[in-house]
Amino acid sequence: MLQLSENHISHLRNFNGRYTTEMANSRSDIIIEKYRIPRYERIPNTSLHGIPLIHYKSAFPKSTDAGKIGDVLRTNSWTPSWRYTMYTDSHFHSTTHEALVVISGAAKILLGGDDNPDAVTITANTGDAMFMPAGVAHRLLEDIGGRGEGFTMVGAYPVGGEEWDMCYGRGGEEGVDEKVKGVGGVEVQDPVSGGVLGGGE
């Protein structure tokens, strides 16, 4: 497993972004973990654009409803598109980045692909957010805190990049690397802070 080094962790207050009034948590309460995961077989992960996967711990108070979370995402130029859990099959998107905000439950999530020695496992809790760059494989490993609706997220995509595909790192998936490179070359706003991500961040 890829070990998380100190330079992967920072407080959101160090970001040069703006913060919306709907986010009741103070900046110092939001912890960011960044992961750059190397390519594994047919899964690009972050190797083609260098943009890290970002896990924002406690981005929103646990009591924040999905509507307000959607307002924050829209303010930061992301379009909320669905509310659901995460698929248990490892998959990635080659045509767009993805933002995920946990609105109920908790889960262990595998990043980087099954059997990948550099894969990362994170625990995502209610109120956490994730920026999932194009090309990064992810899947639900274990629902560990399901109550009521169980582990549920709001999924969103950058304005202009709302069309997503489903890739699994299998044969027959054409032009994946070129698509991921193309997405990585376009600046995108941070879904939580509104700052700019892109080009190696």
N, C-alpha and C. Protein backbone atom coordinates (compact mmCIF):
# COMPACT_ATOMS: atom_id res chain seq x y z
N MET A 1 0.83 -1.20 0.00
CA MET A 1 0.00 0.00 0.00
C MET A 1 0.87 1.26 0.00
N LEU A 2 0.43 2.28 -0.68
CA LEU A 2 1.15 3.54 -0.72
C LEU A 2 1.04 4.22 0.64
N GLN A 3 2.15 4.59 1.21
CA GLN A 3 2.16 5.25 2.51
C GLN A 3 1.93 6.75 2.34
N LEU A 4 1.18 7.31 3.27
CA LEU A 4 0.87 8.75 3.23
C LEU A 4 1.98 9.50 3.94
N SER A 5 2.72 10.32 3.21
CA SER A 5 3.79 11.09 3.82
C SER A 5 3.28 12.43 4.30
N GLU A 6 4.08 13.12 5.12
CA GLU A 6 3.64 14.37 5.72
C GLU A 6 3.28 15.42 4.67
N ASN A 7 3.99 15.43 3.54
CA ASN A 7 3.70 16.46 2.55
C ASN A 7 2.42 16.19 1.77
N HIS A 8 1.75 15.08 2.06
CA HIS A 8 0.45 14.81 1.46
C HIS A 8 -0.68 15.42 2.28
N ILE A 9 -0.38 15.88 3.51
CA ILE A 9 -1.43 16.33 4.41
C ILE A 9 -1.31 17.82 4.64
N SER A 10 -2.43 18.53 4.53
CA SER A 10 -2.42 19.95 4.81
C SER A 10 -3.79 20.38 5.29
N HIS A 11 -3.86 21.52 5.95
CA HIS A 11 -5.14 22.08 6.35
C HIS A 11 -5.69 22.91 5.20
N LEU A 12 -6.98 22.90 5.07
CA LEU A 12 -7.62 23.64 3.99
C LEU A 12 -7.35 25.13 4.09
N ARG A 13 -7.05 25.63 5.28
CA ARG A 13 -6.79 27.06 5.43
C ARG A 13 -5.57 27.50 4.65
N ASN A 14 -4.71 26.56 4.25
CA ASN A 14 -3.52 26.91 3.48
C ASN A 14 -3.82 27.05 1.99
N PHE A 15 -5.03 26.73 1.57
CA PHE A 15 -5.39 26.83 0.16
C PHE A 15 -5.74 28.27 -0.20
N ASN A 16 -5.38 28.69 -1.39
CA ASN A 16 -5.73 30.02 -1.87
C ASN A 16 -7.06 29.96 -2.61
N GLY A 17 -8.11 29.69 -1.88
CA GLY A 17 -9.44 29.59 -2.47
C GLY A 17 -10.43 30.40 -1.67
N ARG A 18 -11.67 30.38 -2.12
CA ARG A 18 -12.70 31.07 -1.38
C ARG A 18 -13.54 30.03 -0.64
N TYR A 19 -14.27 30.46 0.34
CA TYR A 19 -15.04 29.54 1.15
C TYR A 19 -16.47 30.05 1.24
N THR A 20 -17.43 29.18 1.10
CA THR A 20 -18.82 29.58 1.04
C THR A 20 -19.44 29.59 2.42
N THR A 21 -20.47 30.41 2.60
CA THR A 21 -21.08 30.57 3.91
C THR A 21 -21.80 29.31 4.36
N GLU A 22 -22.16 28.42 3.42
CA GLU A 22 -22.85 27.20 3.80
C GLU A 22 -21.94 26.23 4.55
N MET A 23 -20.62 26.43 4.45
CA MET A 23 -19.68 25.55 5.12
C MET A 23 -19.47 26.05 6.54
N ALA A 24 -20.17 25.43 7.50
CA ALA A 24 -20.10 25.91 8.88
C ALA A 24 -18.80 25.53 9.56
N ASN A 25 -18.13 24.49 9.09
CA ASN A 25 -16.86 24.11 9.69
C ASN A 25 -15.81 25.18 9.42
N SER A 26 -15.01 25.50 10.44
CA SER A 26 -13.93 26.46 10.23
C SER A 26 -12.86 25.82 9.36
N ARG A 27 -12.06 26.65 8.72
CA ARG A 27 -11.03 26.14 7.81
C ARG A 27 -10.08 25.19 8.53
N SER A 28 -9.75 25.48 9.77
CA SER A 28 -8.79 24.65 10.49
C SER A 28 -9.36 23.29 10.85
N ASP A 29 -10.69 23.13 10.75
CA ASP A 29 -11.32 21.84 11.03
C ASP A 29 -11.29 20.91 9.83
N ILE A 30 -10.98 21.43 8.66
CA ILE A 30 -11.02 20.63 7.44
C ILE A 30 -9.60 20.17 7.11
N ILE A 31 -9.39 18.87 7.16
CA ILE A 31 -8.07 18.30 6.88
C ILE A 31 -8.08 17.69 5.48
N ILE A 32 -7.04 18.01 4.73
CA ILE A 32 -6.91 17.48 3.37
C ILE A 32 -5.81 16.43 3.32
N GLU A 33 -6.13 15.31 2.67
CA GLU A 33 -5.12 14.30 2.34
C GLU A 33 -5.08 14.18 0.82
N LYS A 34 -3.87 14.24 0.27
CA LYS A 34 -3.69 14.18 -1.18
C LYS A 34 -2.95 12.90 -1.54
N TYR A 35 -3.37 12.27 -2.62
CA TYR A 35 -2.73 11.03 -3.06
C TYR A 35 -2.40 11.10 -4.55
N ARG A 36 -1.17 10.79 -4.87
CA ARG A 36 -0.77 10.59 -6.26
C ARG A 36 -0.46 9.11 -6.40
N ILE A 37 -1.24 8.44 -7.21
CA ILE A 37 -1.17 6.99 -7.32
C ILE A 37 -0.65 6.64 -8.71
N PRO A 38 0.43 5.85 -8.79
CA PRO A 38 1.00 5.54 -10.11
C PRO A 38 0.10 4.62 -10.93
N ARG A 39 0.40 4.59 -12.20
CA ARG A 39 -0.34 3.73 -13.14
C ARG A 39 -0.27 2.28 -12.70
N TYR A 40 -1.36 1.56 -12.94
CA TYR A 40 -1.38 0.11 -12.69
C TYR A 40 -2.04 -0.56 -13.88
N GLU A 41 -1.24 -1.28 -14.64
CA GLU A 41 -1.72 -1.97 -15.83
C GLU A 41 -2.48 -0.99 -16.73
N ARG A 42 -3.77 -1.20 -16.98
CA ARG A 42 -4.51 -0.32 -17.89
C ARG A 42 -5.20 0.83 -17.16
N ILE A 43 -4.92 0.99 -15.87
CA ILE A 43 -5.55 2.06 -15.09
C ILE A 43 -4.56 3.22 -14.96
N PRO A 44 -4.85 4.39 -15.53
CA PRO A 44 -3.90 5.50 -15.49
C PRO A 44 -3.64 6.06 -14.10
N ASN A 45 -4.67 6.07 -13.25
CA ASN A 45 -4.58 6.77 -11.95
C ASN A 45 -4.12 8.21 -12.19
N THR A 46 -3.18 8.72 -11.39
CA THR A 46 -2.79 10.12 -11.56
C THR A 46 -1.55 10.30 -12.44
N SER A 47 -1.09 9.22 -13.08
CA SER A 47 0.20 9.26 -13.78
C SER A 47 0.22 10.17 -14.99
N LEU A 48 -0.91 10.42 -15.64
CA LEU A 48 -0.92 11.15 -16.90
C LEU A 48 -1.05 12.66 -16.74
N HIS A 49 -1.54 13.12 -15.59
CA HIS A 49 -1.72 14.56 -15.40
C HIS A 49 -1.16 15.07 -14.08
N GLY A 50 -0.83 14.20 -13.16
CA GLY A 50 -0.21 14.63 -11.90
C GLY A 50 -1.15 15.32 -10.93
N ILE A 51 -2.45 15.39 -11.25
CA ILE A 51 -3.39 16.03 -10.34
C ILE A 51 -3.75 15.04 -9.24
N PRO A 52 -3.57 15.39 -7.99
CA PRO A 52 -3.81 14.42 -6.92
C PRO A 52 -5.28 14.19 -6.65
N LEU A 53 -5.57 12.99 -6.19
CA LEU A 53 -6.87 12.74 -5.58
C LEU A 53 -6.86 13.45 -4.23
N ILE A 54 -7.95 14.13 -3.89
CA ILE A 54 -8.00 14.89 -2.64
C ILE A 54 -9.15 14.39 -1.78
N HIS A 55 -8.82 14.07 -0.53
CA HIS A 55 -9.83 13.68 0.46
C HIS A 55 -9.94 14.80 1.48
N TYR A 56 -11.08 15.46 1.52
CA TYR A 56 -11.33 16.56 2.45
C TYR A 56 -12.08 15.99 3.66
N LYS A 57 -11.39 15.81 4.75
CA LYS A 57 -12.05 15.28 5.94
C LYS A 57 -12.83 16.38 6.65
N SER A 58 -14.09 16.09 6.97
CA SER A 58 -14.97 17.05 7.66
C SER A 58 -15.13 18.34 6.87
N ALA A 59 -15.32 18.22 5.56
CA ALA A 59 -15.54 19.40 4.74
C ALA A 59 -16.85 20.09 5.11
N PHE A 60 -17.84 19.31 5.47
CA PHE A 60 -19.15 19.84 5.85
C PHE A 60 -19.55 19.29 7.22
N PRO A 61 -20.30 20.05 8.01
CA PRO A 61 -20.87 19.48 9.23
C PRO A 61 -21.74 18.27 8.88
N LYS A 62 -21.75 17.27 9.74
CA LYS A 62 -22.50 16.05 9.46
C LYS A 62 -23.99 16.32 9.23
N SER A 63 -24.48 17.40 9.81
CA SER A 63 -25.91 17.70 9.71
C SER A 63 -26.29 18.45 8.43
N THR A 64 -25.31 18.82 7.61
CA THR A 64 -25.60 19.58 6.39
C THR A 64 -26.42 18.73 5.42
N ASP A 65 -27.53 19.28 4.93
CA ASP A 65 -28.35 18.48 4.02
C ASP A 65 -27.81 18.56 2.60
N ALA A 66 -28.29 17.61 1.79
CA ALA A 66 -27.78 17.48 0.43
C ALA A 66 -28.06 18.72 -0.40
N GLY A 67 -29.15 19.42 -0.12
CA GLY A 67 -29.46 20.63 -0.87
C GLY A 67 -28.41 21.71 -0.69
N LYS A 68 -27.97 21.92 0.55
CA LYS A 68 -26.95 22.94 0.80
C LYS A 68 -25.61 22.51 0.22
N ILE A 69 -25.32 21.22 0.30
CA ILE A 69 -24.08 20.74 -0.32
C ILE A 69 -24.13 21.01 -1.83
N GLY A 70 -25.27 20.76 -2.43
CA GLY A 70 -25.42 21.05 -3.86
C GLY A 70 -25.22 22.52 -4.17
N ASP A 71 -25.69 23.40 -3.28
CA ASP A 71 -25.49 24.84 -3.48
C ASP A 71 -24.00 25.19 -3.50
N VAL A 72 -23.24 24.59 -2.57
CA VAL A 72 -21.79 24.85 -2.52
C VAL A 72 -21.13 24.37 -3.81
N LEU A 73 -21.48 23.17 -4.23
CA LEU A 73 -20.89 22.63 -5.46
C LEU A 73 -21.20 23.50 -6.66
N ARG A 74 -22.44 23.93 -6.77
CA ARG A 74 -22.81 24.79 -7.90
C ARG A 74 -22.08 26.13 -7.86
N THR A 75 -21.91 26.69 -6.65
CA THR A 75 -21.16 27.94 -6.51
C THR A 75 -19.74 27.78 -7.04
N ASN A 76 -19.18 26.58 -6.86
CA ASN A 76 -17.81 26.31 -7.29
C ASN A 76 -17.74 25.67 -8.67
N SER A 77 -18.81 25.83 -9.46
CA SER A 77 -18.85 25.40 -10.87
C SER A 77 -18.85 23.89 -11.04
N TRP A 78 -19.55 23.20 -10.13
CA TRP A 78 -19.77 21.76 -10.25
C TRP A 78 -21.28 21.52 -10.31
N THR A 79 -21.68 20.54 -11.11
CA THR A 79 -23.09 20.21 -11.27
C THR A 79 -23.43 18.93 -10.51
N PRO A 80 -24.21 19.01 -9.43
CA PRO A 80 -24.65 17.79 -8.74
C PRO A 80 -25.50 16.95 -9.68
N SER A 81 -25.21 15.65 -9.76
CA SER A 81 -25.88 14.81 -10.76
C SER A 81 -26.61 13.60 -10.18
N TRP A 82 -26.21 13.14 -9.00
CA TRP A 82 -26.86 11.95 -8.45
C TRP A 82 -26.61 11.84 -6.95
N ARG A 83 -27.44 11.00 -6.30
CA ARG A 83 -27.25 10.61 -4.90
C ARG A 83 -27.31 9.09 -4.85
N TYR A 84 -26.23 8.48 -4.42
CA TYR A 84 -26.16 7.01 -4.46
C TYR A 84 -24.95 6.58 -3.64
N THR A 85 -24.77 5.27 -3.55
CA THR A 85 -23.56 4.74 -2.92
C THR A 85 -22.46 4.68 -3.97
N MET A 86 -21.34 4.00 -3.67
CA MET A 86 -20.27 3.80 -4.66
C MET A 86 -20.31 2.35 -5.12
N TYR A 87 -20.05 2.15 -6.40
CA TYR A 87 -20.05 0.79 -6.95
C TYR A 87 -18.96 -0.05 -6.30
N THR A 88 -19.22 -1.36 -6.19
CA THR A 88 -18.24 -2.27 -5.60
C THR A 88 -17.23 -2.77 -6.63
N ASP A 89 -17.46 -2.49 -7.91
CA ASP A 89 -16.47 -2.80 -8.94
C ASP A 89 -15.53 -1.62 -9.11
N SER A 90 -14.24 -1.91 -9.18
CA SER A 90 -13.26 -0.84 -9.39
C SER A 90 -13.47 -0.24 -10.77
N HIS A 91 -13.57 1.09 -10.82
CA HIS A 91 -13.86 1.77 -12.08
C HIS A 91 -13.25 3.17 -12.05
N PHE A 92 -13.18 3.79 -13.22
CA PHE A 92 -12.70 5.18 -13.30
C PHE A 92 -13.38 5.86 -14.47
N HIS A 93 -13.20 7.16 -14.55
CA HIS A 93 -13.79 7.97 -15.62
C HIS A 93 -12.66 8.60 -16.43
N SER A 94 -12.73 8.48 -17.74
CA SER A 94 -11.67 9.04 -18.59
C SER A 94 -12.04 10.39 -19.17
N THR A 95 -13.32 10.76 -19.07
CA THR A 95 -13.80 11.96 -19.76
C THR A 95 -14.05 13.15 -18.84
N THR A 96 -13.92 12.96 -17.54
CA THR A 96 -14.20 14.05 -16.61
C THR A 96 -13.66 13.73 -15.22
N HIS A 97 -13.48 14.77 -14.43
CA HIS A 97 -13.21 14.60 -13.00
C HIS A 97 -14.54 14.39 -12.29
N GLU A 98 -14.47 14.01 -11.01
CA GLU A 98 -15.67 13.75 -10.23
C GLU A 98 -15.48 14.28 -8.81
N ALA A 99 -16.53 14.86 -8.26
CA ALA A 99 -16.55 15.27 -6.86
C ALA A 99 -17.59 14.43 -6.13
N LEU A 100 -17.22 13.95 -4.95
CA LEU A 100 -18.10 13.10 -4.16
C LEU A 100 -18.19 13.67 -2.76
N VAL A 101 -19.40 13.82 -2.23
CA VAL A 101 -19.60 14.30 -0.86
C VAL A 101 -20.48 13.29 -0.14
N VAL A 102 -20.00 12.80 1.00
CA VAL A 102 -20.74 11.79 1.76
C VAL A 102 -21.85 12.47 2.56
N ILE A 103 -23.09 12.05 2.34
CA ILE A 103 -24.22 12.66 3.05
C ILE A 103 -24.82 11.72 4.10
N SER A 104 -24.43 10.45 4.10
CA SER A 104 -24.84 9.55 5.18
C SER A 104 -23.91 8.35 5.23
N GLY A 105 -23.72 7.81 6.44
CA GLY A 105 -22.93 6.60 6.61
C GLY A 105 -21.43 6.83 6.54
N ALA A 106 -20.72 5.72 6.45
CA ALA A 106 -19.26 5.72 6.34
C ALA A 106 -18.83 4.47 5.59
N ALA A 107 -17.68 4.53 4.96
CA ALA A 107 -17.23 3.39 4.17
C ALA A 107 -15.72 3.41 3.99
N LYS A 108 -15.17 2.23 3.75
CA LYS A 108 -13.79 2.11 3.31
C LYS A 108 -13.80 2.07 1.79
N ILE A 109 -12.94 2.86 1.18
CA ILE A 109 -12.88 2.99 -0.27
C ILE A 109 -11.49 2.63 -0.75
N LEU A 110 -11.41 1.80 -1.77
CA LEU A 110 -10.14 1.41 -2.37
C LEU A 110 -9.85 2.29 -3.57
N LEU A 111 -8.67 2.88 -3.61
CA LEU A 111 -8.25 3.78 -4.67
C LEU A 111 -7.05 3.21 -5.40
N GLY A 112 -7.11 3.18 -6.73
CA GLY A 112 -5.95 2.77 -7.50
C GLY A 112 -6.08 1.46 -8.23
N GLY A 113 -7.07 0.64 -7.87
CA GLY A 113 -7.28 -0.62 -8.57
C GLY A 113 -7.01 -1.84 -7.72
N ASP A 114 -7.81 -2.88 -7.93
CA ASP A 114 -7.62 -4.14 -7.22
C ASP A 114 -6.25 -4.73 -7.54
N ASP A 115 -5.63 -5.31 -6.53
CA ASP A 115 -4.32 -5.97 -6.66
C ASP A 115 -3.17 -5.01 -6.94
N ASN A 116 -3.43 -3.73 -6.96
CA ASN A 116 -2.38 -2.74 -7.17
C ASN A 116 -1.57 -2.60 -5.88
N PRO A 117 -0.26 -2.88 -5.90
CA PRO A 117 0.54 -2.75 -4.68
C PRO A 117 0.63 -1.32 -4.16
N ASP A 118 0.34 -0.34 -5.01
CA ASP A 118 0.37 1.06 -4.60
C ASP A 118 -1.03 1.62 -4.34
N ALA A 119 -2.02 0.74 -4.25
CA ALA A 119 -3.39 1.19 -3.97
C ALA A 119 -3.47 1.79 -2.57
N VAL A 120 -4.48 2.61 -2.37
CA VAL A 120 -4.70 3.29 -1.10
C VAL A 120 -6.11 2.98 -0.62
N THR A 121 -6.26 2.74 0.67
CA THR A 121 -7.58 2.59 1.26
C THR A 121 -7.84 3.76 2.19
N ILE A 122 -8.96 4.44 2.00
CA ILE A 122 -9.33 5.54 2.88
C ILE A 122 -10.67 5.22 3.53
N THR A 123 -10.94 5.89 4.64
CA THR A 123 -12.25 5.82 5.28
C THR A 123 -12.95 7.14 5.06
N ALA A 124 -14.11 7.09 4.44
CA ALA A 124 -14.89 8.30 4.16
C ALA A 124 -16.10 8.32 5.08
N ASN A 125 -16.26 9.42 5.80
CA ASN A 125 -17.34 9.59 6.76
C ASN A 125 -18.31 10.67 6.31
N THR A 126 -19.49 10.69 6.92
CA THR A 126 -20.47 11.73 6.62
C THR A 126 -19.84 13.11 6.78
N GLY A 127 -20.00 13.95 5.78
CA GLY A 127 -19.40 15.29 5.79
C GLY A 127 -18.09 15.38 5.04
N ASP A 128 -17.48 14.23 4.72
CA ASP A 128 -16.24 14.24 3.94
C ASP A 128 -16.55 14.49 2.46
N ALA A 129 -15.57 15.04 1.76
CA ALA A 129 -15.67 15.22 0.31
C ALA A 129 -14.43 14.64 -0.35
N MET A 130 -14.55 14.29 -1.62
CA MET A 130 -13.44 13.76 -2.39
C MET A 130 -13.42 14.39 -3.77
N PHE A 131 -12.24 14.76 -4.22
CA PHE A 131 -12.03 15.16 -5.61
C PHE A 131 -11.35 13.99 -6.29
N MET A 132 -12.04 13.37 -7.24
CA MET A 132 -11.56 12.17 -7.91
C MET A 132 -11.12 12.55 -9.32
N PRO A 133 -9.81 12.68 -9.56
CA PRO A 133 -9.37 13.08 -10.90
C PRO A 133 -9.69 12.02 -11.95
N ALA A 134 -9.82 12.45 -13.18
CA ALA A 134 -10.01 11.51 -14.28
C ALA A 134 -8.89 10.47 -14.26
N GLY A 135 -9.27 9.22 -14.46
CA GLY A 135 -8.29 8.15 -14.55
C GLY A 135 -8.04 7.38 -13.28
N VAL A 136 -8.52 7.88 -12.14
CA VAL A 136 -8.24 7.23 -10.86
C VAL A 136 -9.31 6.19 -10.54
N ALA A 137 -8.89 4.94 -10.38
CA ALA A 137 -9.82 3.87 -10.08
C ALA A 137 -10.29 3.97 -8.62
N HIS A 138 -11.55 3.67 -8.42
CA HIS A 138 -12.12 3.72 -7.07
C HIS A 138 -13.26 2.72 -6.97
N ARG A 139 -13.45 2.20 -5.75
CA ARG A 139 -14.58 1.31 -5.52
C ARG A 139 -14.89 1.24 -4.03
N LEU A 140 -16.13 0.87 -3.73
CA LEU A 140 -16.53 0.64 -2.34
C LEU A 140 -15.93 -0.67 -1.87
N LEU A 141 -15.16 -0.60 -0.80
CA LEU A 141 -14.55 -1.79 -0.23
C LEU A 141 -15.43 -2.37 0.87
N GLU A 142 -15.96 -1.48 1.72
CA GLU A 142 -16.80 -1.94 2.83
C GLU A 142 -17.65 -0.80 3.36
N ASP A 143 -18.94 -1.04 3.49
CA ASP A 143 -19.84 -0.09 4.15
C ASP A 143 -19.73 -0.35 5.64
N ILE A 144 -19.18 0.61 6.38
CA ILE A 144 -18.87 0.36 7.79
C ILE A 144 -19.73 1.16 8.75
N GLY A 145 -20.58 2.03 8.24
CA GLY A 145 -21.35 2.86 9.15
C GLY A 145 -22.76 3.10 8.69
N GLY A 146 -23.32 2.09 8.02
CA GLY A 146 -24.62 2.30 7.42
C GLY A 146 -25.75 2.40 8.43
N ARG A 147 -26.46 3.50 8.42
CA ARG A 147 -27.69 3.66 9.19
C ARG A 147 -28.72 4.31 8.28
N GLY A 148 -29.95 3.91 8.42
CA GLY A 148 -30.97 4.51 7.57
C GLY A 148 -30.68 4.22 6.11
N GLU A 149 -30.26 5.24 5.37
CA GLU A 149 -30.00 5.07 3.94
C GLU A 149 -28.66 4.40 3.67
N GLY A 150 -27.84 4.16 4.69
CA GLY A 150 -26.53 3.58 4.48
C GLY A 150 -25.57 4.60 3.89
N PHE A 151 -24.47 4.10 3.31
CA PHE A 151 -23.44 4.98 2.75
C PHE A 151 -23.97 5.61 1.46
N THR A 152 -24.14 6.93 1.49
CA THR A 152 -24.71 7.65 0.36
C THR A 152 -23.90 8.91 0.08
N MET A 153 -23.71 9.22 -1.19
CA MET A 153 -22.94 10.38 -1.59
C MET A 153 -23.73 11.24 -2.56
N VAL A 154 -23.36 12.51 -2.64
CA VAL A 154 -23.74 13.36 -3.76
C VAL A 154 -22.59 13.30 -4.76
N GLY A 155 -22.88 12.98 -6.01
CA GLY A 155 -21.87 12.96 -7.05
C GLY A 155 -22.04 14.17 -7.96
N ALA A 156 -20.93 14.81 -8.30
CA ALA A 156 -21.00 16.02 -9.13
C ALA A 156 -19.86 16.04 -10.13
N TYR A 157 -20.05 16.82 -11.21
CA TYR A 157 -19.07 16.92 -12.28
C TYR A 157 -18.88 18.37 -12.66
N PRO A 158 -17.69 18.74 -13.16
CA PRO A 158 -17.45 20.14 -13.51
C PRO A 158 -18.44 20.64 -14.56
N VAL A 159 -18.82 21.89 -14.46
CA VAL A 159 -19.67 22.49 -15.48
C VAL A 159 -18.99 22.34 -16.84
N GLY A 160 -19.70 21.80 -17.79
CA GLY A 160 -19.13 21.53 -19.10
C GLY A 160 -18.56 20.13 -19.23
N GLY A 161 -18.45 19.41 -18.11
CA GLY A 161 -17.91 18.05 -18.13
C GLY A 161 -18.84 17.06 -17.48
N GLU A 162 -20.15 17.28 -17.67
CA GLU A 162 -21.14 16.45 -16.99
C GLU A 162 -21.33 15.06 -17.62
N GLU A 163 -20.76 14.84 -18.80
CA GLU A 163 -20.88 13.54 -19.45
C GLU A 163 -19.73 12.65 -19.01
N TRP A 164 -20.03 11.59 -18.29
CA TRP A 164 -18.97 10.70 -17.82
C TRP A 164 -19.13 9.31 -18.44
N ASP A 165 -18.00 8.62 -18.54
CA ASP A 165 -18.00 7.24 -19.03
C ASP A 165 -17.65 6.32 -17.87
N MET A 166 -17.68 5.03 -18.12
CA MET A 166 -17.29 4.03 -17.12
C MET A 166 -16.20 3.16 -17.72
N CYS A 167 -15.04 3.19 -17.11
CA CYS A 167 -13.90 2.38 -17.56
C CYS A 167 -13.48 1.46 -16.42
N TYR A 168 -12.95 0.29 -16.78
CA TYR A 168 -12.59 -0.71 -15.77
C TYR A 168 -11.16 -1.20 -15.91
N GLY A 169 -10.41 -0.61 -16.83
CA GLY A 169 -9.04 -1.07 -17.02
C GLY A 169 -8.96 -2.39 -17.76
N ARG A 170 -9.93 -2.63 -18.63
CA ARG A 170 -9.99 -3.88 -19.37
C ARG A 170 -9.68 -3.64 -20.84
N GLY A 171 -9.40 -4.71 -21.55
CA GLY A 171 -9.17 -4.61 -22.98
C GLY A 171 -10.39 -4.09 -23.70
N GLY A 172 -10.18 -3.39 -24.80
CA GLY A 172 -11.29 -2.88 -25.59
C GLY A 172 -11.71 -1.47 -25.24
N GLU A 173 -11.13 -0.89 -24.20
CA GLU A 173 -11.44 0.50 -23.83
C GLU A 173 -10.49 1.41 -24.61
N GLU A 174 -11.00 2.01 -25.66
CA GLU A 174 -10.16 2.73 -26.62
C GLU A 174 -9.93 4.18 -26.21
N GLY A 175 -8.70 4.65 -26.45
CA GLY A 175 -8.38 6.06 -26.29
C GLY A 175 -8.42 6.59 -24.87
N VAL A 176 -8.32 5.70 -23.90
CA VAL A 176 -8.44 6.12 -22.49
C VAL A 176 -7.35 7.12 -22.12
N ASP A 177 -6.10 6.81 -22.43
CA ASP A 177 -5.00 7.70 -22.03
C ASP A 177 -5.16 9.09 -22.63
N GLU A 178 -5.52 9.16 -23.90
CA GLU A 178 -5.67 10.46 -24.55
C GLU A 178 -6.79 11.28 -23.91
N LYS A 179 -7.88 10.61 -23.58
CA LYS A 179 -9.00 11.30 -22.93
C LYS A 179 -8.60 11.84 -21.56
N VAL A 180 -7.93 11.01 -20.78
CA VAL A 180 -7.52 11.44 -19.43
C VAL A 180 -6.55 12.61 -19.52
N LYS A 181 -5.60 12.54 -20.46
CA LYS A 181 -4.66 13.66 -20.64
C LYS A 181 -5.41 14.93 -21.00
N GLY A 182 -6.40 14.82 -21.87
CA GLY A 182 -7.16 15.99 -22.27
C GLY A 182 -7.89 16.64 -21.12
N VAL A 183 -8.51 15.83 -20.27
CA VAL A 183 -9.21 16.36 -19.10
C VAL A 183 -8.21 17.00 -18.14
N GLY A 184 -7.06 16.36 -17.96
CA GLY A 184 -6.06 16.87 -17.03
C GLY A 184 -5.45 18.19 -17.44
N GLY A 185 -5.53 18.51 -18.73
CA GLY A 185 -4.96 19.76 -19.21
C GLY A 185 -5.86 20.96 -19.06
N VAL A 186 -7.06 20.76 -18.55
CA VAL A 186 -8.03 21.84 -18.39
C VAL A 186 -8.17 22.20 -16.92
N GLU A 187 -8.04 23.49 -16.60
CA GLU A 187 -8.20 23.91 -15.21
C GLU A 187 -9.62 23.65 -14.74
N VAL A 188 -9.75 23.27 -13.47
CA VAL A 188 -11.06 23.02 -12.88
C VAL A 188 -11.05 23.62 -11.48
N GLN A 189 -12.21 24.09 -11.03
CA GLN A 189 -12.29 24.67 -9.70
C GLN A 189 -12.36 23.59 -8.64
N ASP A 190 -11.72 23.87 -7.50
CA ASP A 190 -11.81 22.99 -6.35
C ASP A 190 -13.27 22.93 -5.91
N PRO A 191 -13.85 21.73 -5.79
CA PRO A 191 -15.28 21.65 -5.47
C PRO A 191 -15.63 22.15 -4.08
N VAL A 192 -14.66 22.19 -3.18
CA VAL A 192 -14.91 22.62 -1.80
C VAL A 192 -14.55 24.08 -1.59
N SER A 193 -13.35 24.48 -2.03
CA SER A 193 -12.88 25.84 -1.75
C SER A 193 -13.14 26.82 -2.87
N GLY A 194 -13.29 26.31 -4.09
CA GLY A 194 -13.44 27.19 -5.24
C GLY A 194 -12.14 27.63 -5.86
N GLY A 195 -11.00 27.23 -5.29
CA GLY A 195 -9.71 27.54 -5.88
C GLY A 195 -9.50 26.76 -7.16
N VAL A 196 -8.39 26.96 -7.83
CA VAL A 196 -8.13 26.33 -9.12
C VAL A 196 -7.30 25.08 -8.94
N LEU A 197 -7.74 24.00 -9.57
CA LEU A 197 -6.98 22.76 -9.63
C LEU A 197 -6.63 22.50 -11.09
N GLY A 198 -5.56 21.75 -11.32
CA GLY A 198 -5.23 21.39 -12.70
C GLY A 198 -3.76 21.53 -12.97
N GLY A 199 -3.30 20.81 -14.01
CA GLY A 199 -1.91 20.89 -14.43
C GLY A 199 -0.92 20.55 -13.35
N GLY A 200 -1.19 19.47 -12.60
CA GLY A 200 -0.31 19.08 -11.51
C GLY A 200 -0.62 19.80 -10.23
N GLU A 201 -1.70 20.57 -10.20
CA GLU A 201 -2.25 21.24 -9.02
C GLU A 201 -1.21 22.19 -8.43
